[in-house]
């Protein structure tokens, strides 16, 4: 069963045109709480890690994942 934040993150990735979900690293170089949640979804096979990339602004680093077919199926099963 998905917890609300897992459903929220998978839904956000599923609704994205390219199936990607990204989060920005904080100014103090820490990741927000969703980073560990996204990593957890990755370990379940719902997301696949794409990598980190520098953003368009100085100091902006983004971590990116893509939703998998398993993640889409899991999400669709909750909606049925």
PDB file of N, CA and C in Angstrom:
ATOM      1  N   UNK A   1       0.843  -1.189   0.000  1.00  0.00           N
ATOM      2  CA  UNK A   1       0.000   0.000   0.000  1.00  0.00           C
ATOM      3  C   UNK A   1       0.880   1.241   0.000  1.00  0.00           C
ATOM      4  N   UNK A   2       0.501   2.208  -0.785  1.00  0.00           N
ATOM      5  CA  UNK A   2       1.260   3.444  -0.871  1.00  0.00           C
ATOM      6  C   UNK A   2       0.851   4.420   0.213  1.00  0.00           C
ATOM      7  N   UNK A   3       1.833   5.076   0.767  1.00  0.00           N
ATOM      8  CA  UNK A   3       1.595   6.161   1.711  1.00  0.00           C
ATOM      9  C   UNK A   3       1.281   7.397   0.876  1.00  0.00           C
ATOM     10  N   UNK A   4       0.607   8.374   1.454  1.00  0.00           N
ATOM     11  CA  UNK A   4       0.190   9.556   0.700  1.00  0.00           C
ATOM     12  C   UNK A   4       1.327  10.233  -0.046  1.00  0.00           C
ATOM     13  N   UNK A   5       2.514  10.374   0.589  1.00  0.00           N
ATOM     14  CA  UNK A   5       3.597  11.061  -0.121  1.00  0.00           C
ATOM     15  C   UNK A   5       4.120  10.225  -1.281  1.00  0.00           C
ATOM     16  N   UNK A   6       4.065   8.897  -1.169  1.00  0.00           N
ATOM     17  CA  UNK A   6       4.488   8.059  -2.286  1.00  0.00           C
ATOM     18  C   UNK A   6       3.511   8.201  -3.457  1.00  0.00           C
ATOM     19  N   UNK A   7       2.238   8.206  -3.152  1.00  0.00           N
ATOM     20  CA  UNK A   7       1.219   8.388  -4.192  1.00  0.00           C
ATOM     21  C   UNK A   7       1.383   9.758  -4.856  1.00  0.00           C
ATOM     22  N   UNK A   8       1.637  10.784  -4.042  1.00  0.00           N
ATOM     23  CA  UNK A   8       1.826  12.143  -4.557  1.00  0.00           C
ATOM     24  C   UNK A   8       3.011  12.197  -5.518  1.00  0.00           C
ATOM     25  N   UNK A   9       4.121  11.590  -5.143  1.00  0.00           N
ATOM     26  CA  UNK A   9       5.324  11.642  -5.978  1.00  0.00           C
ATOM     27  C   UNK A   9       5.156  10.831  -7.258  1.00  0.00           C
ATOM     28  N   UNK A  10       4.559   9.653  -7.160  1.00  0.00           N
ATOM     29  CA  UNK A  10       4.322   8.853  -8.366  1.00  0.00           C
ATOM     30  C   UNK A  10       3.332   9.538  -9.297  1.00  0.00           C
ATOM     31  N   UNK A  11       2.309  10.150  -8.735  1.00  0.00           N
ATOM     32  CA  UNK A  11       1.333  10.876  -9.556  1.00  0.00           C
ATOM     33  C   UNK A  11       1.998  12.033 -10.278  1.00  0.00           C
ATOM     34  N   UNK A  12       2.861  12.760  -9.574  1.00  0.00           N
ATOM     35  CA  UNK A  12       3.552  13.887 -10.197  1.00  0.00           C
ATOM     36  C   UNK A  12       4.422  13.408 -11.363  1.00  0.00           C
ATOM     37  N   UNK A  13       5.130  12.309 -11.173  1.00  0.00           N
ATOM     38  CA  UNK A  13       5.973  11.771 -12.249  1.00  0.00           C
ATOM     39  C   UNK A  13       5.114  11.269 -13.405  1.00  0.00           C
ATOM     40  N   UNK A  14       4.010  10.600 -13.093  1.00  0.00           N
ATOM     41  CA  UNK A  14       3.146  10.048 -14.135  1.00  0.00           C
ATOM     42  C   UNK A  14       2.496  11.144 -14.967  1.00  0.00           C
ATOM     43  N   UNK A  15       2.196  12.273 -14.350  1.00  0.00           N
ATOM     44  CA  UNK A  15       1.541  13.366 -15.065  1.00  0.00           C
ATOM     45  C   UNK A  15       2.511  14.202 -15.893  1.00  0.00           C
ATOM     46  N   UNK A  16       3.796  14.079 -15.625  1.00  0.00           N
ATOM     47  CA  UNK A  16       4.789  14.833 -16.386  1.00  0.00           C
ATOM     48  C   UNK A  16       4.863  14.270 -17.805  1.00  0.00           C
ATOM     49  N   UNK A  17       5.004  15.138 -18.770  1.00  0.00           N
ATOM     50  CA  UNK A  17       5.025  14.727 -20.165  1.00  0.00           C
ATOM     51  C   UNK A  17       6.115  13.685 -20.442  1.00  0.00           C
ATOM     52  N   UNK A  18       7.276  13.841 -19.817  1.00  0.00           N
ATOM     53  CA  UNK A  18       8.395  12.927 -20.031  1.00  0.00           C
ATOM     54  C   UNK A  18       8.543  11.888 -18.932  1.00  0.00           C
ATOM     55  N   UNK A  19       7.630  11.889 -17.959  1.00  0.00           N
ATOM     56  CA  UNK A  19       7.668  10.916 -16.871  1.00  0.00           C
ATOM     57  C   UNK A  19       8.749  11.176 -15.838  1.00  0.00           C
ATOM     58  N   UNK A  20       9.320  12.384 -15.866  1.00  0.00           N
ATOM     59  CA  UNK A  20      10.415  12.716 -14.952  1.00  0.00           C
ATOM     60  C   UNK A  20       9.922  13.484 -13.739  1.00  0.00           C
ATOM     61  N   UNK A  21      10.623  13.276 -12.638  1.00  0.00           N
ATOM     62  CA  UNK A  21      10.395  14.057 -11.434  1.00  0.00           C
ATOM     63  C   UNK A  21      11.759  14.471 -10.901  1.00  0.00           C
ATOM     64  N   UNK A  22      11.905  15.751 -10.579  1.00  0.00           N
ATOM     65  CA  UNK A  22      13.178  16.289 -10.094  1.00  0.00           C
ATOM     66  C   UNK A  22      12.952  17.076  -8.813  1.00  0.00           C
ATOM     67  N   UNK A  23      13.974  17.075  -7.970  1.00  0.00           N
ATOM     68  CA  UNK A  23      13.956  17.917  -6.775  1.00  0.00           C
ATOM     69  C   UNK A  23      15.267  18.682  -6.714  1.00  0.00           C
ATOM     70  N   UNK A  24      15.201  19.848  -6.100  1.00  0.00           N
ATOM     71  CA  UNK A  24      16.366  20.728  -6.025  1.00  0.00           C
ATOM     72  C   UNK A  24      17.028  20.609  -4.657  1.00  0.00           C
ATOM     73  N   UNK A  25      18.351  20.551  -4.677  1.00  0.00           N
ATOM     74  CA  UNK A  25      19.123  20.525  -3.444  1.00  0.00           C
ATOM     75  C   UNK A  25      19.003  21.876  -2.750  1.00  0.00           C
ATOM     76  N   UNK A  26      18.945  21.853  -1.409  1.00  0.00           N
ATOM     77  CA  UNK A  26      18.837  23.079  -0.619  1.00  0.00           C
ATOM     78  C   UNK A  26      20.145  23.874  -0.681  1.00  0.00           C
ATOM     79  N   UNK A  27      20.073  25.127  -0.304  1.00  0.00           N
ATOM     80  CA  UNK A  27      21.260  25.992  -0.316  1.00  0.00           C
ATOM     81  C   UNK A  27      22.374  25.460   0.589  1.00  0.00           C
ATOM     82  N   UNK A  28      21.989  24.783   1.679  1.00  0.00           N
ATOM     83  CA  UNK A  28      22.991  24.239   2.596  1.00  0.00           C
ATOM     84  C   UNK A  28      23.514  22.875   2.132  1.00  0.00           C
ATOM     85  N   UNK A  29      23.210  22.513   0.897  1.00  0.00           N
ATOM     86  CA  UNK A  29      23.632  21.287   0.222  1.00  0.00           C
ATOM     87  C   UNK A  29      22.907  20.041   0.711  1.00  0.00           C
ATOM     88  N   UNK A  30      21.901  20.217   1.568  1.00  0.00           N
ATOM     89  CA  UNK A  30      21.091  19.087   2.017  1.00  0.00           C
ATOM     90  C   UNK A  30      19.961  18.851   1.016  1.00  0.00           C
ATOM     91  N   UNK A  31      19.512  17.606   0.937  1.00  0.00           N
ATOM     92  CA  UNK A  31      18.374  17.291   0.080  1.00  0.00           C
ATOM     93  C   UNK A  31      17.094  17.405   0.888  1.00  0.00           C
ATOM     94  N   UNK A  32      16.007  17.854   0.273  1.00  0.00           N
ATOM     95  CA  UNK A  32      14.723  17.884   0.985  1.00  0.00           C
ATOM     96  C   UNK A  32      14.249  16.455   1.274  1.00  0.00           C
ATOM     97  N   UNK A  33      13.252  16.333   2.140  1.00  0.00           N
ATOM     98  CA  UNK A  33      12.748  15.026   2.541  1.00  0.00           C
ATOM     99  C   UNK A  33      12.295  14.147   1.393  1.00  0.00           C
ATOM    100  N   UNK A  34      11.824  14.740   0.312  1.00  0.00           N
ATOM    101  CA  UNK A  34      11.365  13.935  -0.821  1.00  0.00           C
ATOM    102  C   UNK A  34      12.500  13.153  -1.473  1.00  0.00           C
ATOM    103  N   UNK A  35      13.746  13.547  -1.275  1.00  0.00           N
ATOM    104  CA  UNK A  35      14.860  12.804  -1.868  1.00  0.00           C
ATOM    105  C   UNK A  35      14.880  11.368  -1.346  1.00  0.00           C
ATOM    106  N   UNK A  36      14.753  11.195  -0.038  1.00  0.00           N
ATOM    107  CA  UNK A  36      14.760   9.842   0.520  1.00  0.00           C
ATOM    108  C   UNK A  36      13.501   9.076   0.109  1.00  0.00           C
ATOM    109  N   UNK A  37      12.392   9.764  -0.025  1.00  0.00           N
ATOM    110  CA  UNK A  37      11.160   9.116  -0.478  1.00  0.00           C
ATOM    111  C   UNK A  37      11.290   8.634  -1.914  1.00  0.00           C
ATOM    112  N   UNK A  38      11.889   9.470  -2.765  1.00  0.00           N
ATOM    113  CA  UNK A  38      12.095   9.084  -4.161  1.00  0.00           C
ATOM    114  C   UNK A  38      13.093   7.935  -4.262  1.00  0.00           C
ATOM    115  N   UNK A  39      14.122   7.966  -3.445  1.00  0.00           N
ATOM    116  CA  UNK A  39      15.097   6.867  -3.422  1.00  0.00           C
ATOM    117  C   UNK A  39      14.436   5.564  -2.985  1.00  0.00           C
ATOM    118  N   UNK A  40      13.516   5.661  -2.038  1.00  0.00           N
ATOM    119  CA  UNK A  40      12.776   4.482  -1.587  1.00  0.00           C
ATOM    120  C   UNK A  40      11.912   3.918  -2.720  1.00  0.00           C
ATOM    121  N   UNK A  41      11.242   4.787  -3.451  1.00  0.00           N
ATOM    122  CA  UNK A  41      10.439   4.346  -4.598  1.00  0.00           C
ATOM    123  C   UNK A  41      11.332   3.727  -5.675  1.00  0.00           C
ATOM    124  N   UNK A  42      12.547   4.245  -5.807  1.00  0.00           N
ATOM    125  CA  UNK A  42      13.510   3.664  -6.749  1.00  0.00           C
ATOM    126  C   UNK A  42      13.860   2.230  -6.321  1.00  0.00           C
ATOM    127  N   UNK A  43      14.092   2.026  -5.038  1.00  0.00           N
ATOM    128  CA  UNK A  43      14.464   0.684  -4.560  1.00  0.00           C
ATOM    129  C   UNK A  43      13.320  -0.314  -4.741  1.00  0.00           C
ATOM    130  N   UNK A  44      12.083   0.174  -4.796  1.00  0.00           N
ATOM    131  CA  UNK A  44      10.930  -0.692  -5.038  1.00  0.00           C
ATOM    132  C   UNK A  44      10.708  -0.968  -6.528  1.00  0.00           C
ATOM    133  N   UNK A  45      11.437  -0.252  -7.396  1.00  0.00           N
ATOM    134  CA  UNK A  45      11.289  -0.424  -8.837  1.00  0.00           C
ATOM    135  C   UNK A  45      10.260   0.486  -9.465  1.00  0.00           C
ATOM    136  N   UNK A  46       9.682   1.401  -8.669  1.00  0.00           N
ATOM    137  CA  UNK A  46       8.670   2.321  -9.203  1.00  0.00           C
ATOM    138  C   UNK A  46       9.289   3.471  -9.984  1.00  0.00           C
ATOM    139  N   UNK A  47      10.522   3.802  -9.671  1.00  0.00           N
ATOM    140  CA  UNK A  47      11.265   4.872 -10.349  1.00  0.00           C
ATOM    141  C   UNK A  47      12.641   4.354 -10.726  1.00  0.00           C
ATOM    142  N   UNK A  48      13.248   4.986 -11.709  1.00  0.00           N
ATOM    143  CA  UNK A  48      14.631   4.692 -12.070  1.00  0.00           C
ATOM    144  C   UNK A  48      15.421   5.993 -11.973  1.00  0.00           C
ATOM    145  N   UNK A  49      16.607   5.911 -11.381  1.00  0.00           N
ATOM    146  CA  UNK A  49      17.485   7.068 -11.184  1.00  0.00           C
ATOM    147  C   UNK A  49      18.038   7.531 -12.527  1.00  0.00           C
ATOM    148  N   UNK A  50      17.906   8.816 -12.805  1.00  0.00           N
ATOM    149  CA  UNK A  50      18.463   9.402 -14.020  1.00  0.00           C
ATOM    150  C   UNK A  50      19.810  10.055 -13.704  1.00  0.00           C
ATOM    151  N   UNK A  51      19.877  10.785 -12.598  1.00  0.00           N
ATOM    152  CA  UNK A  51      21.135  11.397 -12.179  1.00  0.00           C
ATOM    153  C   UNK A  51      20.944  12.778 -11.612  1.00  0.00           C
ATOM    154  N   UNK A  52      22.075  13.409 -11.338  1.00  0.00           N
ATOM    155  CA  UNK A  52      22.081  14.787 -10.848  1.00  0.00           C
ATOM    156  C   UNK A  52      22.564  15.684 -11.967  1.00  0.00           C
ATOM    157  N   UNK A  53      22.047  16.905 -11.969  1.00  0.00           N
ATOM    158  CA  UNK A  53      22.502  17.877 -12.979  1.00  0.00           C
ATOM    159  C   UNK A  53      22.449  19.269 -12.370  1.00  0.00           C
ATOM    160  N   UNK A  54      23.302  20.121 -12.885  1.00  0.00           N
ATOM    161  CA  UNK A  54      23.302  21.515 -12.453  1.00  0.00           C
ATOM    162  C   UNK A  54      22.130  22.222 -13.106  1.00  0.00           C
ATOM    163  N   UNK A  55      21.486  23.078 -12.344  1.00  0.00           N
ATOM    164  CA  UNK A  55      20.362  23.837 -12.862  1.00  0.00           C
ATOM    165  C   UNK A  55      20.827  25.079 -13.586  1.00  0.00           C
ATOM    166  N   UNK A  56      19.879  25.858 -14.059  1.00  0.00           N
ATOM    167  CA  UNK A  56      20.228  27.056 -14.820  1.00  0.00           C
ATOM    168  C   UNK A  56      20.793  28.183 -13.952  1.00  0.00           C
ATOM    169  N   UNK A  57      20.648  28.067 -12.634  1.00  0.00           N
ATOM    170  CA  UNK A  57      21.137  29.113 -11.741  1.00  0.00           C
ATOM    171  C   UNK A  57      22.324  28.607 -10.948  1.00  0.00           C
ATOM    172  N   UNK A  58      23.213  29.490 -10.565  1.00  0.00           N
ATOM    173  CA  UNK A  58      24.363  29.102  -9.758  1.00  0.00           C
ATOM    174  C   UNK A  58      23.897  28.436  -8.467  1.00  0.00           C
ATOM    175  N   UNK A  59      24.545  27.356  -8.116  1.00  0.00           N
ATOM    176  CA  UNK A  59      24.224  26.668  -6.874  1.00  0.00           C
ATOM    177  C   UNK A  59      23.023  25.758  -6.939  1.00  0.00           C
ATOM    178  N   UNK A  60      22.397  25.659  -8.080  1.00  0.00           N
ATOM    179  CA  UNK A  60      21.218  24.809  -8.204  1.00  0.00           C
ATOM    180  C   UNK A  60      21.583  23.431  -8.731  1.00  0.00           C
ATOM    181  N   UNK A  61      21.361  22.412  -7.930  1.00  0.00           N
ATOM    182  CA  UNK A  61      21.585  21.040  -8.346  1.00  0.00           C
ATOM    183  C   UNK A  61      20.276  20.279  -8.206  1.00  0.00           C
ATOM    184  N   UNK A  62      19.937  19.507  -9.231  1.00  0.00           N
ATOM    185  CA  UNK A  62      18.694  18.755  -9.250  1.00  0.00           C
ATOM    186  C   UNK A  62      18.983  17.263  -9.352  1.00  0.00           C
ATOM    187  N   UNK A  63      18.219  16.474  -8.616  1.00  0.00           N
ATOM    188  CA  UNK A  63      18.231  15.014  -8.733  1.00  0.00           C
ATOM    189  C   UNK A  63      16.975  14.631  -9.502  1.00  0.00           C
ATOM    190  N   UNK A  64      17.117  13.691 -10.432  1.00  0.00           N
ATOM    191  CA  UNK A  64      16.010  13.356 -11.323  1.00  0.00           C
ATOM    192  C   UNK A  64      15.796  11.845 -11.395  1.00  0.00           C
ATOM    193  N   UNK A  65      14.523  11.453 -11.394  1.00  0.00           N
ATOM    194  CA  UNK A  65      14.105  10.071 -11.560  1.00  0.00           C
ATOM    195  C   UNK A  65      13.048  10.014 -12.655  1.00  0.00           C
ATOM    196  N   UNK A  66      12.870   8.828 -13.245  1.00  0.00           N
ATOM    197  CA  UNK A  66      11.803   8.598 -14.238  1.00  0.00           C
ATOM    198  C   UNK A  66      10.917   7.465 -13.720  1.00  0.00           C
ATOM    199  N   UNK A  67       9.615   7.629 -13.880  1.00  0.00           N
ATOM    200  CA  UNK A  67       8.689   6.586 -13.455  1.00  0.00           C
ATOM    201  C   UNK A  67       8.826   5.380 -14.384  1.00  0.00           C
ATOM    202  N   UNK A  68       8.732   4.192 -13.828  1.00  0.00           N
ATOM    203  CA  UNK A  68       8.848   2.954 -14.602  1.00  0.00           C
ATOM    204  C   UNK A  68       7.450   2.419 -14.915  1.00  0.00           C
ATOM    205  N   UNK A  69       7.405   1.405 -15.758  1.00  0.00           N
ATOM    206  CA  UNK A  69       6.129   0.754 -16.051  1.00  0.00           C
ATOM    207  C   UNK A  69       5.542   0.148 -14.778  1.00  0.00           C
ATOM    208  N   UNK A  70       6.411  -0.382 -13.913  1.00  0.00           N
ATOM    209  CA  UNK A  70       5.939  -0.943 -12.640  1.00  0.00           C
ATOM    210  C   UNK A  70       5.313   0.151 -11.774  1.00  0.00           C
ATOM    211  N   UNK A  71       5.924   1.319 -11.764  1.00  0.00           N
ATOM    212  CA  UNK A  71       5.388   2.438 -10.999  1.00  0.00           C
ATOM    213  C   UNK A  71       4.037   2.899 -11.530  1.00  0.00           C
ATOM    214  N   UNK A  72       3.916   2.932 -12.855  1.00  0.00           N
ATOM    215  CA  UNK A  72       2.639   3.307 -13.467  1.00  0.00           C
ATOM    216  C   UNK A  72       1.557   2.270 -13.145  1.00  0.00           C
ATOM    217  N   UNK A  73       1.912   0.994 -13.207  1.00  0.00           N
ATOM    218  CA  UNK A  73       0.952  -0.075 -12.901  1.00  0.00           C
ATOM    219  C   UNK A  73       0.508  -0.010 -11.446  1.00  0.00           C
ATOM    220  N   UNK A  74       1.469   0.233 -10.566  1.00  0.00           N
ATOM    221  CA  UNK A  74       1.150   0.336  -9.136  1.00  0.00           C
ATOM    222  C   UNK A  74       0.193   1.503  -8.890  1.00  0.00           C
ATOM    223  N   UNK A  75       0.451   2.616  -9.538  1.00  0.00           N
ATOM    224  CA  UNK A  75      -0.396   3.793  -9.381  1.00  0.00           C
ATOM    225  C   UNK A  75      -1.790   3.558  -9.968  1.00  0.00           C
ATOM    226  N   UNK A  76      -1.853   2.931 -11.140  1.00  0.00           N
ATOM    227  CA  UNK A  76      -3.140   2.636 -11.778  1.00  0.00           C
ATOM    228  C   UNK A  76      -3.974   1.673 -10.928  1.00  0.00           C
ATOM    229  N   UNK A  77      -3.306   0.739 -10.276  1.00  0.00           N
ATOM    230  CA  UNK A  77      -4.009  -0.207  -9.424  1.00  0.00           C
ATOM    231  C   UNK A  77      -4.685   0.459  -8.244  1.00  0.00           C
ATOM    232  N   UNK A  78      -4.118   1.546  -7.794  1.00  0.00           N
ATOM    233  CA  UNK A  78      -4.709   2.294  -6.679  1.00  0.00           C
ATOM    234  C   UNK A  78      -5.937   3.071  -7.116  1.00  0.00           C
ATOM    235  N   UNK A  79      -5.981   3.436  -8.392  1.00  0.00           N
ATOM    236  CA  UNK A  79      -7.087   4.241  -8.910  1.00  0.00           C
ATOM    237  C   UNK A  79      -8.287   3.385  -9.306  1.00  0.00           C
ATOM    238  N   UNK A  80      -8.055   2.101  -9.475  1.00  0.00           N
ATOM    239  CA  UNK A  80      -9.140   1.207  -9.936  1.00  0.00           C
ATOM    240  C   UNK A  80     -10.146   0.908  -8.856  1.00  0.00           C
TER     241      UNK A  80
END
